[in-house]
Amino acid sequence: MKTNNIFCKKIILVFLVMQIFACGVLFAMAKNQSIIGQVKVYGNEPHTYLGLKTEEGTVFTLKADKETLDDIQKKQGVLLQLHGKVTENKKTLFMSKYQFEVEEWSVVSDIQ
């Protein structure tokens, strides 16, 4: 009986550690961040989406109001800095794993 009790306590401890780790990841994703990269259009017409590819190779699907996305799309080939929140993309069939909710953006440099 004593062995089962110790085993149960270890399982509970492992579960709690995993929950704390998951909460930390979600918290880190929820706070405002800045990313730098190039804007690219992904997909095929009529199902395209706007993304930003960082120098490390991570691709973010961009989420913002239509006017902001239209302005950002005009900056293809330009290095941009975006400020906002990273969230996990629920619809990853053709899109990237992460979504970036753009709050502000600025041009870093024109590399065309």
PDB file of N, CA and C in Angstrom:
ATOM      1  N   MET A   1       0.809  -1.195   0.000  1.00  0.00           N
ATOM      2  CA  MET A   1       0.000   0.000   0.000  1.00  0.00           C
ATOM      3  C   MET A   1       0.852   1.258   0.000  1.00  0.00           C
ATOM      4  N   LYS A   2       1.954   1.201   0.761  1.00  0.00           N
ATOM      5  CA  LYS A   2       2.808   2.372   0.866  1.00  0.00           C
ATOM      6  C   LYS A   2       3.431   2.711  -0.489  1.00  0.00           C
ATOM      7  N   THR A   3       3.779   1.695  -1.281  1.00  0.00           N
ATOM      8  CA  THR A   3       4.366   1.920  -2.597  1.00  0.00           C
ATOM      9  C   THR A   3       3.369   2.590  -3.527  1.00  0.00           C
ATOM     10  N   ASN A   4       2.107   2.175  -3.496  1.00  0.00           N
ATOM     11  CA  ASN A   4       1.073   2.795  -4.326  1.00  0.00           C
ATOM     12  C   ASN A   4       0.866   4.260  -3.951  1.00  0.00           C
ATOM     13  N   ASN A   5       0.930   4.557  -2.667  1.00  0.00           N
ATOM     14  CA  ASN A   5       0.748   5.917  -2.201  1.00  0.00           C
ATOM     15  C   ASN A   5       1.876   6.826  -2.713  1.00  0.00           C
ATOM     16  N   ILE A   6       3.101   6.332  -2.659  1.00  0.00           N
ATOM     17  CA  ILE A   6       4.251   7.096  -3.152  1.00  0.00           C
ATOM     18  C   ILE A   6       4.144   7.282  -4.667  1.00  0.00           C
ATOM     19  N   PHE A   7       3.735   6.233  -5.365  1.00  0.00           N
ATOM     20  CA  PHE A   7       3.561   6.290  -6.815  1.00  0.00           C
ATOM     21  C   PHE A   7       2.503   7.331  -7.191  1.00  0.00           C
ATOM     22  N   CYS A   8       1.399   7.369  -6.492  1.00  0.00           N
ATOM     23  CA  CYS A   8       0.330   8.344  -6.746  1.00  0.00           C
ATOM     24  C   CYS A   8       0.821   9.764  -6.498  1.00  0.00           C
ATOM     25  N   LYS A   9       1.601   9.953  -5.446  1.00  0.00           N
ATOM     26  CA  LYS A   9       2.134  11.284  -5.158  1.00  0.00           C
ATOM     27  C   LYS A   9       3.078  11.750  -6.267  1.00  0.00           C
ATOM     28  N   LYS A  10       3.880  10.824  -6.799  1.00  0.00           N
ATOM     29  CA  LYS A  10       4.793  11.173  -7.888  1.00  0.00           C
ATOM     30  C   LYS A  10       4.016  11.553  -9.144  1.00  0.00           C
ATOM     31  N   ILE A  11       2.960  10.831  -9.434  1.00  0.00           N
ATOM     32  CA  ILE A  11       2.134  11.130 -10.610  1.00  0.00           C
ATOM     33  C   ILE A  11       1.491  12.503 -10.455  1.00  0.00           C
ATOM     34  N   ILE A  12       0.989  12.789  -9.279  1.00  0.00           N
ATOM     35  CA  ILE A  12       0.368  14.092  -9.026  1.00  0.00           C
ATOM     36  C   ILE A  12       1.410  15.204  -9.161  1.00  0.00           C
ATOM     37  N   LEU A  13       2.601  14.987  -8.640  1.00  0.00           N
ATOM     38  CA  LEU A  13       3.667  15.973  -8.737  1.00  0.00           C
ATOM     39  C   LEU A  13       4.041  16.237 -10.198  1.00  0.00           C
ATOM     40  N   VAL A  14       4.195  15.183 -10.979  1.00  0.00           N
ATOM     41  CA  VAL A  14       4.520  15.335 -12.400  1.00  0.00           C
ATOM     42  C   VAL A  14       3.401  16.096 -13.118  1.00  0.00           C
ATOM     43  N   PHE A  15       2.170  15.770 -12.830  1.00  0.00           N
ATOM     44  CA  PHE A  15       1.026  16.440 -13.441  1.00  0.00           C
ATOM     45  C   PHE A  15       1.024  17.931 -13.095  1.00  0.00           C
ATOM     46  N   LEU A  16       1.290  18.266 -11.834  1.00  0.00           N
ATOM     47  CA  LEU A  16       1.321  19.668 -11.423  1.00  0.00           C
ATOM     48  C   LEU A  16       2.449  20.435 -12.110  1.00  0.00           C
ATOM     49  N   VAL A  17       3.604  19.819 -12.233  1.00  0.00           N
ATOM     50  CA  VAL A  17       4.734  20.460 -12.911  1.00  0.00           C
ATOM     51  C   VAL A  17       4.376  20.722 -14.376  1.00  0.00           C
ATOM     52  N   MET A  18       3.732  19.764 -15.023  1.00  0.00           N
ATOM     53  CA  MET A  18       3.319  19.936 -16.416  1.00  0.00           C
ATOM     54  C   MET A  18       2.304  21.070 -16.547  1.00  0.00           C
ATOM     55  N   GLN A  19       1.380  21.179 -15.622  1.00  0.00           N
ATOM     56  CA  GLN A  19       0.379  22.247 -15.651  1.00  0.00           C
ATOM     57  C   GLN A  19       1.028  23.617 -15.460  1.00  0.00           C
ATOM     58  N   ILE A  20       1.965  23.710 -14.561  1.00  0.00           N
ATOM     59  CA  ILE A  20       2.664  24.979 -14.324  1.00  0.00           C
ATOM     60  C   ILE A  20       3.448  25.379 -15.579  1.00  0.00           C
ATOM     61  N   PHE A  21       4.098  24.430 -16.201  1.00  0.00           N
ATOM     62  CA  PHE A  21       4.841  24.698 -17.433  1.00  0.00           C
ATOM     63  C   PHE A  21       3.899  25.177 -18.534  1.00  0.00           C
ATOM     64  N   ALA A  22       2.762  24.506 -18.706  1.00  0.00           N
ATOM     65  CA  ALA A  22       1.788  24.896 -19.731  1.00  0.00           C
ATOM     66  C   ALA A  22       1.262  26.306 -19.482  1.00  0.00           C
ATOM     67  N   CYS A  23       1.001  26.648 -18.243  1.00  0.00           N
ATOM     68  CA  CYS A  23       0.537  28.004 -17.905  1.00  0.00           C
ATOM     69  C   CYS A  23       1.609  29.041 -18.240  1.00  0.00           C
ATOM     70  N   GLY A  24       2.856  28.712 -17.987  1.00  0.00           N
ATOM     71  CA  GLY A  24       3.949  29.626 -18.307  1.00  0.00           C
ATOM     72  C   GLY A  24       4.070  29.876 -19.794  1.00  0.00           C
ATOM     73  N   VAL A  25       3.918  28.831 -20.595  1.00  0.00           N
ATOM     74  CA  VAL A  25       3.974  28.971 -22.047  1.00  0.00           C
ATOM     75  C   VAL A  25       2.832  29.845 -22.536  1.00  0.00           C
ATOM     76  N   LEU A  26       1.632  29.604 -22.043  1.00  0.00           N
ATOM     77  CA  LEU A  26       0.481  30.404 -22.454  1.00  0.00           C
ATOM     78  C   LEU A  26       0.639  31.856 -22.033  1.00  0.00           C
ATOM     79  N   PHE A  27       1.173  32.095 -20.843  1.00  0.00           N
ATOM     80  CA  PHE A  27       1.385  33.455 -20.377  1.00  0.00           C
ATOM     81  C   PHE A  27       2.406  34.171 -21.258  1.00  0.00           C
ATOM     82  N   ALA A  28       3.481  33.473 -21.628  1.00  0.00           N
ATOM     83  CA  ALA A  28       4.511  34.076 -22.477  1.00  0.00           C
ATOM     84  C   ALA A  28       3.951  34.424 -23.845  1.00  0.00           C
ATOM     85  N   MET A  29       3.048  33.596 -24.350  1.00  0.00           N
ATOM     86  CA  MET A  29       2.462  33.856 -25.656  1.00  0.00           C
ATOM     87  C   MET A  29       1.450  35.001 -25.592  1.00  0.00           C
ATOM     88  N   ALA A  30       0.848  35.244 -24.450  1.00  0.00           N
ATOM     89  CA  ALA A  30      -0.226  36.225 -24.340  1.00  0.00           C
ATOM     90  C   ALA A  30       0.275  37.653 -24.182  1.00  0.00           C
ATOM     91  N   LYS A  31       1.513  37.846 -23.737  1.00  0.00           N
ATOM     92  CA  LYS A  31       1.975  39.224 -23.526  1.00  0.00           C
ATOM     93  C   LYS A  31       2.463  39.823 -24.845  1.00  0.00           C
ATOM     94  N   ASN A  32       2.515  41.148 -24.890  1.00  0.00           N
ATOM     95  CA  ASN A  32       2.947  41.847 -26.098  1.00  0.00           C
ATOM     96  C   ASN A  32       4.399  41.523 -26.405  1.00  0.00           C
ATOM     97  N   GLN A  33       4.651  41.339 -27.691  1.00  0.00           N
ATOM     98  CA  GLN A  33       5.995  41.025 -28.150  1.00  0.00           C
ATOM     99  C   GLN A  33       6.284  41.804 -29.415  1.00  0.00           C
ATOM    100  N   SER A  34       7.536  41.820 -29.815  1.00  0.00           N
ATOM    101  CA  SER A  34       7.947  42.410 -31.083  1.00  0.00           C
ATOM    102  C   SER A  34       8.637  41.334 -31.902  1.00  0.00           C
ATOM    103  N   ILE A  35       8.327  41.308 -33.195  1.00  0.00           N
ATOM    104  CA  ILE A  35       9.019  40.390 -34.100  1.00  0.00           C
ATOM    105  C   ILE A  35       9.474  41.193 -35.316  1.00  0.00           C
ATOM    106  N   ILE A  36      10.567  40.759 -35.911  1.00  0.00           N
ATOM    107  CA  ILE A  36      11.117  41.411 -37.097  1.00  0.00           C
ATOM    108  C   ILE A  36      11.228  40.368 -38.191  1.00  0.00           C
ATOM    109  N   GLY A  37      10.801  40.738 -39.394  1.00  0.00           N
ATOM    110  CA  GLY A  37      10.891  39.823 -40.515  1.00  0.00           C
ATOM    111  C   GLY A  37      10.334  40.438 -41.785  1.00  0.00           C
ATOM    112  N   GLN A  38      10.264  39.610 -42.828  1.00  0.00           N
ATOM    113  CA  GLN A  38       9.748  40.036 -44.118  1.00  0.00           C
ATOM    114  C   GLN A  38       8.320  39.558 -44.305  1.00  0.00           C
ATOM    115  N   VAL A  39       7.521  40.413 -44.909  1.00  0.00           N
ATOM    116  CA  VAL A  39       6.130  40.086 -45.205  1.00  0.00           C
ATOM    117  C   VAL A  39       6.091  39.240 -46.469  1.00  0.00           C
ATOM    118  N   LYS A  40       5.279  38.199 -46.425  1.00  0.00           N
ATOM    119  CA  LYS A  40       5.090  37.327 -47.589  1.00  0.00           C
ATOM    120  C   LYS A  40       3.620  36.960 -47.683  1.00  0.00           C
ATOM    121  N   VAL A  41       3.167  36.696 -48.908  1.00  0.00           N
ATOM    122  CA  VAL A  41       1.808  36.213 -49.134  1.00  0.00           C
ATOM    123  C   VAL A  41       1.916  34.714 -49.394  1.00  0.00           C
ATOM    124  N   TYR A  42       1.161  33.934 -48.638  1.00  0.00           N
ATOM    125  CA  TYR A  42       1.191  32.483 -48.749  1.00  0.00           C
ATOM    126  C   TYR A  42      -0.137  31.970 -49.305  1.00  0.00           C
ATOM    127  N   GLY A  43      -0.104  30.789 -49.892  1.00  0.00           N
ATOM    128  CA  GLY A  43      -1.309  30.156 -50.406  1.00  0.00           C
ATOM    129  C   GLY A  43      -1.545  30.491 -51.860  1.00  0.00           C
ATOM    130  N   ASN A  44      -2.669  30.024 -52.377  1.00  0.00           N
ATOM    131  CA  ASN A  44      -3.073  30.259 -53.761  1.00  0.00           C
ATOM    132  C   ASN A  44      -4.401  30.986 -53.786  1.00  0.00           C
ATOM    133  N   GLU A  45      -4.574  31.836 -54.795  1.00  0.00           N
ATOM    134  CA  GLU A  45      -5.837  32.562 -54.936  1.00  0.00           C
ATOM    135  C   GLU A  45      -6.969  31.563 -55.055  1.00  0.00           C
ATOM    136  N   PRO A  46      -8.090  31.783 -54.471  1.00  0.00           N
ATOM    137  CA  PRO A  46      -8.485  32.932 -53.678  1.00  0.00           C
ATOM    138  C   PRO A  46      -8.232  32.732 -52.179  1.00  0.00           C
ATOM    139  N   HIS A  47      -7.447  31.733 -51.811  1.00  0.00           N
ATOM    140  CA  HIS A  47      -7.228  31.401 -50.397  1.00  0.00           C
ATOM    141  C   HIS A  47      -5.812  31.759 -49.964  1.00  0.00           C
ATOM    142  N   THR A  48      -5.487  33.034 -50.012  1.00  0.00           N
ATOM    143  CA  THR A  48      -4.157  33.477 -49.593  1.00  0.00           C
ATOM    144  C   THR A  48      -4.229  34.038 -48.174  1.00  0.00           C
ATOM    145  N   TYR A  49      -3.087  34.093 -47.545  1.00  0.00           N
ATOM    146  CA  TYR A  49      -3.005  34.732 -46.229  1.00  0.00           C
ATOM    147  C   TYR A  49      -1.661  35.428 -46.114  1.00  0.00           C
ATOM    148  N   LEU A  50      -1.635  36.439 -45.306  1.00  0.00           N
ATOM    149  CA  LEU A  50      -0.448  37.247 -45.117  1.00  0.00           C
ATOM    150  C   LEU A  50       0.353  36.699 -43.948  1.00  0.00           C
ATOM    151  N   GLY A  51       1.658  36.576 -44.147  1.00  0.00           N
ATOM    152  CA  GLY A  51       2.515  36.072 -43.092  1.00  0.00           C
ATOM    153  C   GLY A  51       3.781  36.895 -42.971  1.00  0.00           C
ATOM    154  N   LEU A  52       4.495  36.674 -41.895  1.00  0.00           N
ATOM    155  CA  LEU A  52       5.778  37.314 -41.679  1.00  0.00           C
ATOM    156  C   LEU A  52       6.784  36.221 -41.356  1.00  0.00           C
ATOM    157  N   LYS A  53       7.883  36.194 -42.117  1.00  0.00           N
ATOM    158  CA  LYS A  53       8.932  35.198 -41.892  1.00  0.00           C
ATOM    159  C   LYS A  53      10.115  35.875 -41.230  1.00  0.00           C
ATOM    160  N   THR A  54      10.482  35.386 -40.031  1.00  0.00           N
ATOM    161  CA  THR A  54      11.600  35.954 -39.290  1.00  0.00           C
ATOM    162  C   THR A  54      12.917  35.448 -39.868  1.00  0.00           C
ATOM    163  N   GLU A  55      14.021  36.059 -39.453  1.00  0.00           N
ATOM    164  CA  GLU A  55      15.343  35.627 -39.901  1.00  0.00           C
ATOM    165  C   GLU A  55      15.652  34.213 -39.437  1.00  0.00           C
ATOM    166  N   GLU A  56      15.019  33.779 -38.327  1.00  0.00           N
ATOM    167  CA  GLU A  56      15.215  32.422 -37.820  1.00  0.00           C
ATOM    168  C   GLU A  56      14.406  31.405 -38.614  1.00  0.00           C
ATOM    169  N   GLY A  57      13.501  31.884 -39.466  1.00  0.00           N
ATOM    170  CA  GLY A  57      12.704  30.983 -40.301  1.00  0.00           C
ATOM    171  C   GLY A  57      11.305  30.712 -39.779  1.00  0.00           C
ATOM    172  N   THR A  58      10.942  31.280 -38.646  1.00  0.00           N
ATOM    173  CA  THR A  58       9.594  31.096 -38.104  1.00  0.00           C
ATOM    174  C   THR A  58       8.618  31.934 -38.917  1.00  0.00           C
ATOM    175  N   VAL A  59       7.499  31.312 -39.285  1.00  0.00           N
ATOM    176  CA  VAL A  59       6.474  32.017 -40.046  1.00  0.00           C
ATOM    177  C   VAL A  59       5.263  32.238 -39.152  1.00  0.00           C
ATOM    178  N   PHE A  60       4.789  33.475 -39.114  1.00  0.00           N
ATOM    179  CA  PHE A  60       3.603  33.835 -38.355  1.00  0.00           C
ATOM    180  C   PHE A  60       2.506  34.238 -39.324  1.00  0.00           C
ATOM    181  N   THR A  61       1.303  33.725 -39.138  1.00  0.00           N
ATOM    182  CA  THR A  61       0.142  34.223 -39.864  1.00  0.00           C
ATOM    183  C   THR A  61      -0.246  35.541 -39.204  1.00  0.00           C
ATOM    184  N   LEU A  62      -0.463  36.572 -40.012  1.00  0.00           N
ATOM    185  CA  LEU A  62      -0.772  37.887 -39.450  1.00  0.00           C
ATOM    186  C   LEU A  62      -2.273  38.073 -39.323  1.00  0.00           C
ATOM    187  N   LYS A  63      -2.670  38.642 -38.196  1.00  0.00           N
ATOM    188  CA  LYS A  63      -4.077  38.914 -37.920  1.00  0.00           C
ATOM    189  C   LYS A  63      -4.205  40.380 -37.530  1.00  0.00           C
ATOM    190  N   ALA A  64      -5.079  41.096 -38.235  1.00  0.00           N
ATOM    191  CA  ALA A  64      -5.335  42.508 -37.950  1.00  0.00           C
ATOM    192  C   ALA A  64      -6.567  42.912 -38.744  1.00  0.00           C
ATOM    193  N   ASP A  65      -6.965  44.169 -38.595  1.00  0.00           N
ATOM    194  CA  ASP A  65      -8.100  44.627 -39.389  1.00  0.00           C
ATOM    195  C   ASP A  65      -7.675  44.704 -40.859  1.00  0.00           C
ATOM    196  N   LYS A  66      -8.652  44.715 -41.763  1.00  0.00           N
ATOM    197  CA  LYS A  66      -8.384  44.647 -43.200  1.00  0.00           C
ATOM    198  C   LYS A  66      -7.486  45.783 -43.675  1.00  0.00           C
ATOM    199  N   GLU A  67      -7.717  46.977 -43.190  1.00  0.00           N
ATOM    200  CA  GLU A  67      -6.922  48.137 -43.612  1.00  0.00           C
ATOM    201  C   GLU A  67      -5.447  47.962 -43.236  1.00  0.00           C
ATOM    202  N   THR A  68      -5.191  47.489 -42.025  1.00  0.00           N
ATOM    203  CA  THR A  68      -3.810  47.258 -41.576  1.00  0.00           C
ATOM    204  C   THR A  68      -3.146  46.175 -42.419  1.00  0.00           C
ATOM    205  N   LEU A  69      -3.866  45.074 -42.663  1.00  0.00           N
ATOM    206  CA  LEU A  69      -3.295  43.999 -43.480  1.00  0.00           C
ATOM    207  C   LEU A  69      -3.012  44.474 -44.898  1.00  0.00           C
ATOM    208  N   ASP A  70      -3.899  45.301 -45.469  1.00  0.00           N
ATOM    209  CA  ASP A  70      -3.665  45.841 -46.812  1.00  0.00           C
ATOM    210  C   ASP A  70      -2.410  46.707 -46.838  1.00  0.00           C
ATOM    211  N   ASP A  71      -2.221  47.540 -45.816  1.00  0.00           N
ATOM    212  CA  ASP A  71      -1.032  48.393 -45.740  1.00  0.00           C
ATOM    213  C   ASP A  71       0.232  47.549 -45.588  1.00  0.00           C
ATOM    214  N   ILE A  72       0.170  46.532 -44.752  1.00  0.00           N
ATOM    215  CA  ILE A  72       1.339  45.663 -44.539  1.00  0.00           C
ATOM    216  C   ILE A  72       1.658  44.890 -45.814  1.00  0.00           C
ATOM    217  N   GLN A  73       0.630  44.430 -46.531  1.00  0.00           N
ATOM    218  CA  GLN A  73       0.858  43.652 -47.751  1.00  0.00           C
ATOM    219  C   GLN A  73       1.611  44.475 -48.799  1.00  0.00           C
ATOM    220  N   LYS A  74       1.396  45.761 -48.825  1.00  0.00           N
ATOM    221  CA  LYS A  74       2.098  46.635 -49.770  1.00  0.00           C
ATOM    222  C   LYS A  74       3.593  46.716 -49.459  1.00  0.00           C
ATOM    223  N   LYS A  75       4.004  46.233 -48.303  1.00  0.00           N
ATOM    224  CA  LYS A  75       5.403  46.299 -47.875  1.00  0.00           C
ATOM    225  C   LYS A  75       6.134  44.967 -48.070  1.00  0.00           C
ATOM    226  N   GLN A  76       5.698  44.157 -49.042  1.00  0.00           N
ATOM    227  CA  GLN A  76       6.404  42.906 -49.320  1.00  0.00           C
ATOM    228  C   GLN A  76       7.844  43.208 -49.709  1.00  0.00           C
ATOM    229  N   GLY A  77       8.771  42.425 -49.201  1.00  0.00           N
ATOM    230  CA  GLY A  77      10.179  42.625 -49.494  1.00  0.00           C
ATOM    231  C   GLY A  77      10.847  43.649 -48.601  1.00  0.00           C
ATOM    232  N   VAL A  78      10.096  44.181 -47.644  1.00  0.00           N
ATOM    233  CA  VAL A  78      10.625  45.183 -46.729  1.00  0.00           C
ATOM    234  C   VAL A  78      10.729  44.553 -45.339  1.00  0.00           C
ATOM    235  N   LEU A  79      11.786  44.864 -44.630  1.00  0.00           N
ATOM    236  CA  LEU A  79      11.964  44.354 -43.279  1.00  0.00           C
ATOM    237  C   LEU A  79      11.095  45.174 -42.325  1.00  0.00           C
ATOM    238  N   LEU A  80      10.159  44.502 -41.637  1.00  0.00           N
ATOM    239  CA  LEU A  80       9.230  45.179 -40.742  1.00  0.00           C
ATOM    240  C   LEU A  80       9.409  44.716 -39.311  1.00  0.00           C
ATOM    241  N   GLN A  81       9.047  45.581 -38.391  1.00  0.00           N
ATOM    242  CA  GLN A  81       8.964  45.219 -36.981  1.00  0.00           C
ATOM    243  C   GLN A  81       7.498  45.336 -36.585  1.00  0.00           C
ATOM    244  N   LEU A  82       6.952  44.236 -36.068  1.00  0.00           N
ATOM    245  CA  LEU A  82       5.561  44.197 -35.651  1.00  0.00           C
ATOM    246  C   LEU A  82       5.488  44.096 -34.136  1.00  0.00           C
ATOM    247  N   HIS A  83       4.537  44.787 -33.552  1.00  0.00           N
ATOM    248  CA  HIS A  83       4.283  44.717 -32.115  1.00  0.00           C
ATOM    249  C   HIS A  83       2.881  44.148 -31.934  1.00  0.00           C
ATOM    250  N   GLY A  84       2.746  43.200 -31.012  1.00  0.00           N
ATOM    251  CA  GLY A  84       1.444  42.599 -30.765  1.00  0.00           C
ATOM    252  C   GLY A  84       1.569  41.346 -29.929  1.00  0.00           C
ATOM    253  N   LYS A  85       0.645  40.416 -30.160  1.00  0.00           N
ATOM    254  CA  LYS A  85       0.595  39.188 -29.361  1.00  0.00           C
ATOM    255  C   LYS A  85       0.705  37.957 -30.245  1.00  0.00           C
ATOM    256  N   VAL A  86       1.440  36.983 -29.760  1.00  0.00           N
ATOM    257  CA  VAL A  86       1.554  35.687 -30.428  1.00  0.00           C
ATOM    258  C   VAL A  86       0.503  34.757 -29.829  1.00  0.00           C
ATOM    259  N   THR A  87      -0.252  34.117 -30.691  1.00  0.00           N
ATOM    260  CA  THR A  87      -1.213  33.109 -30.252  1.00  0.00           C
ATOM    261  C   THR A  87      -1.018  31.863 -31.096  1.00  0.00           C
ATOM    262  N   GLU A  88      -1.516  30.751 -30.602  1.00  0.00           N
ATOM    263  CA  GLU A  88      -1.428  29.527 -31.372  1.00  0.00           C
ATOM    264  C   GLU A  88      -2.556  29.523 -32.389  1.00  0.00           C
ATOM    265  N   ASN A  89      -2.227  29.196 -33.631  1.00  0.00           N
ATOM    266  CA  ASN A  89      -3.208  29.182 -34.701  1.00  0.00           C
ATOM    267  C   ASN A  89      -4.025  27.894 -34.621  1.00  0.00           C
ATOM    268  N   LYS A  90      -5.322  28.035 -34.501  1.00  0.00           N
ATOM    269  CA  LYS A  90      -6.204  26.864 -34.394  1.00  0.00           C
ATOM    270  C   LYS A  90      -6.429  26.203 -35.753  1.00  0.00           C
ATOM    271  N   LYS A  91      -6.302  26.967 -36.843  1.00  0.00           N
ATOM    272  CA  LYS A  91      -6.544  26.452 -38.198  1.00  0.00           C
ATOM    273  C   LYS A  91      -5.214  26.329 -38.925  1.00  0.00           C
ATOM    274  N   THR A  92      -4.467  25.289 -38.646  1.00  0.00           N
ATOM    275  CA  THR A  92      -3.127  25.167 -39.225  1.00  0.00           C
ATOM    276  C   THR A  92      -3.088  24.320 -40.486  1.00  0.00           C
ATOM    277  N   LEU A  93      -4.218  24.043 -41.100  1.00  0.00           N
ATOM    278  CA  LEU A  93      -4.228  23.182 -42.277  1.00  0.00           C
ATOM    279  C   LEU A  93      -3.276  23.699 -43.349  1.00  0.00           C
ATOM    280  N   PHE A  94      -3.394  24.959 -43.718  1.00  0.00           N
ATOM    281  CA  PHE A  94      -2.512  25.541 -44.717  1.00  0.00           C
ATOM    282  C   PHE A  94      -1.717  26.717 -44.173  1.00  0.00           C
ATOM    283  N   MET A  95      -1.973  27.096 -42.948  1.00  0.00           N
ATOM    284  CA  MET A  95      -1.324  28.265 -42.378  1.00  0.00           C
ATOM    285  C   MET A  95      -0.254  27.855 -41.380  1.00  0.00           C
ATOM    286  N   SER A  96       0.482  28.848 -40.908  1.00  0.00           N
ATOM    287  CA  SER A  96       1.550  28.561 -39.954  1.00  0.00           C
ATOM    288  C   SER A  96       0.979  28.220 -38.580  1.00  0.00           C
ATOM    289  N   LYS A  97       1.829  27.642 -37.745  1.00  0.00           N
ATOM    290  CA  LYS A  97       1.409  27.194 -36.412  1.00  0.00           C
ATOM    291  C   LYS A  97       1.070  28.362 -35.492  1.00  0.00           C
ATOM    292  N   TYR A  98       1.753  29.500 -35.706  1.00  0.00           N
ATOM    293  CA  TYR A  98       1.555  30.643 -34.824  1.00  0.00           C
ATOM    294  C   TYR A  98       0.903  31.802 -35.562  1.00  0.00           C
ATOM    295  N   GLN A  99       0.091  32.518 -34.840  1.00  0.00           N
ATOM    296  CA  GLN A  99      -0.592  33.684 -35.369  1.00  0.00           C
ATOM    297  C   GLN A  99      -0.097  34.898 -34.592  1.00  0.00           C
ATOM    298  N   PHE A 100       0.091  36.003 -35.296  1.00  0.00           N
ATOM    299  CA  PHE A 100       0.543  37.229 -34.647  1.00  0.00           C
ATOM    300  C   PHE A 100      -0.536  38.279 -34.821  1.00  0.00           C
ATOM    301  N   GLU A 101      -1.090  38.740 -33.699  1.00  0.00           N
ATOM    302  CA  GLU A 101      -2.118  39.777 -33.717  1.00  0.00           C
ATOM    303  C   GLU A 101      -1.420  41.134 -33.704  1.00  0.00           C
ATOM    304  N   VAL A 102      -1.418  41.796 -34.845  1.00  0.00           N
ATOM    305  CA  VAL A 102      -0.673  43.042 -35.024  1.00  0.00           C
ATOM    306  C   VAL A 102      -1.406  44.203 -34.362  1.00  0.00           C
ATOM    307  N   GLU A 103      -0.699  44.903 -33.492  1.00  0.00           N
ATOM    308  CA  GLU A 103      -1.228  46.120 -32.880  1.00  0.00           C
ATOM    309  C   GLU A 103      -0.571  47.355 -33.491  1.00  0.00           C
ATOM    310  N   GLU A 104       0.735  47.275 -33.752  1.00  0.00           N
ATOM    311  CA  GLU A 104       1.499  48.354 -34.374  1.00  0.00           C
ATOM    312  C   GLU A 104       2.546  47.735 -35.281  1.00  0.00           C
ATOM    313  N   TRP A 105       2.973  48.493 -36.274  1.00  0.00           N
ATOM    314  CA  TRP A 105       4.067  48.018 -37.129  1.00  0.00           C
ATOM    315  C   TRP A 105       4.859  49.197 -37.638  1.00  0.00           C
ATOM    316  N   SER A 106       6.117  48.923 -37.985  1.00  0.00           N
ATOM    317  CA  SER A 106       6.987  49.966 -38.536  1.00  0.00           C
ATOM    318  C   SER A 106       8.002  49.325 -39.465  1.00  0.00           C
ATOM    319  N   VAL A 107       8.522  50.145 -40.379  1.00  0.00           N
ATOM    320  CA  VAL A 107       9.531  49.692 -41.329  1.00  0.00           C
ATOM    321  C   VAL A 107      10.894  49.752 -40.666  1.00  0.00           C
ATOM    322  N   VAL A 108      11.635  48.644 -40.738  1.00  0.00           N
ATOM    323  CA  VAL A 108      13.016  48.620 -40.226  1.00  0.00           C
ATOM    324  C   VAL A 108      13.967  49.061 -41.323  1.00  0.00           C
ATOM    325  N   SER A 109      13.843  48.427 -42.511  1.00  0.00           N
ATOM    326  CA  SER A 109      14.663  48.852 -43.649  1.00  0.00           C
ATOM    327  C   SER A 109      14.044  48.322 -44.939  1.00  0.00           C
ATOM    328  N   ASP A 110      14.309  49.027 -46.009  1.00  0.00           N
ATOM    329  CA  ASP A 110      13.838  48.629 -47.323  1.00  0.00           C
ATOM    330  C   ASP A 110      14.959  47.836 -47.970  1.00  0.00           C
ATOM    331  N   ILE A 111      14.790  46.507 -48.123  1.00  0.00           N
ATOM    332  CA  ILE A 111      15.863  45.657 -48.633  1.00  0.00           C
ATOM    333  C   ILE A 111      15.646  45.229 -50.075  1.00  0.00           C
ATOM    334  N   GLN A 112      14.801  45.933 -50.780  1.00  0.00           N
ATOM    335  CA  GLN A 112      14.574  45.573 -52.190  1.00  0.00           C
ATOM    336  C   GLN A 112      15.715  46.031 -53.048  1.00  0.00           C
TER     337      GLN A 112
END
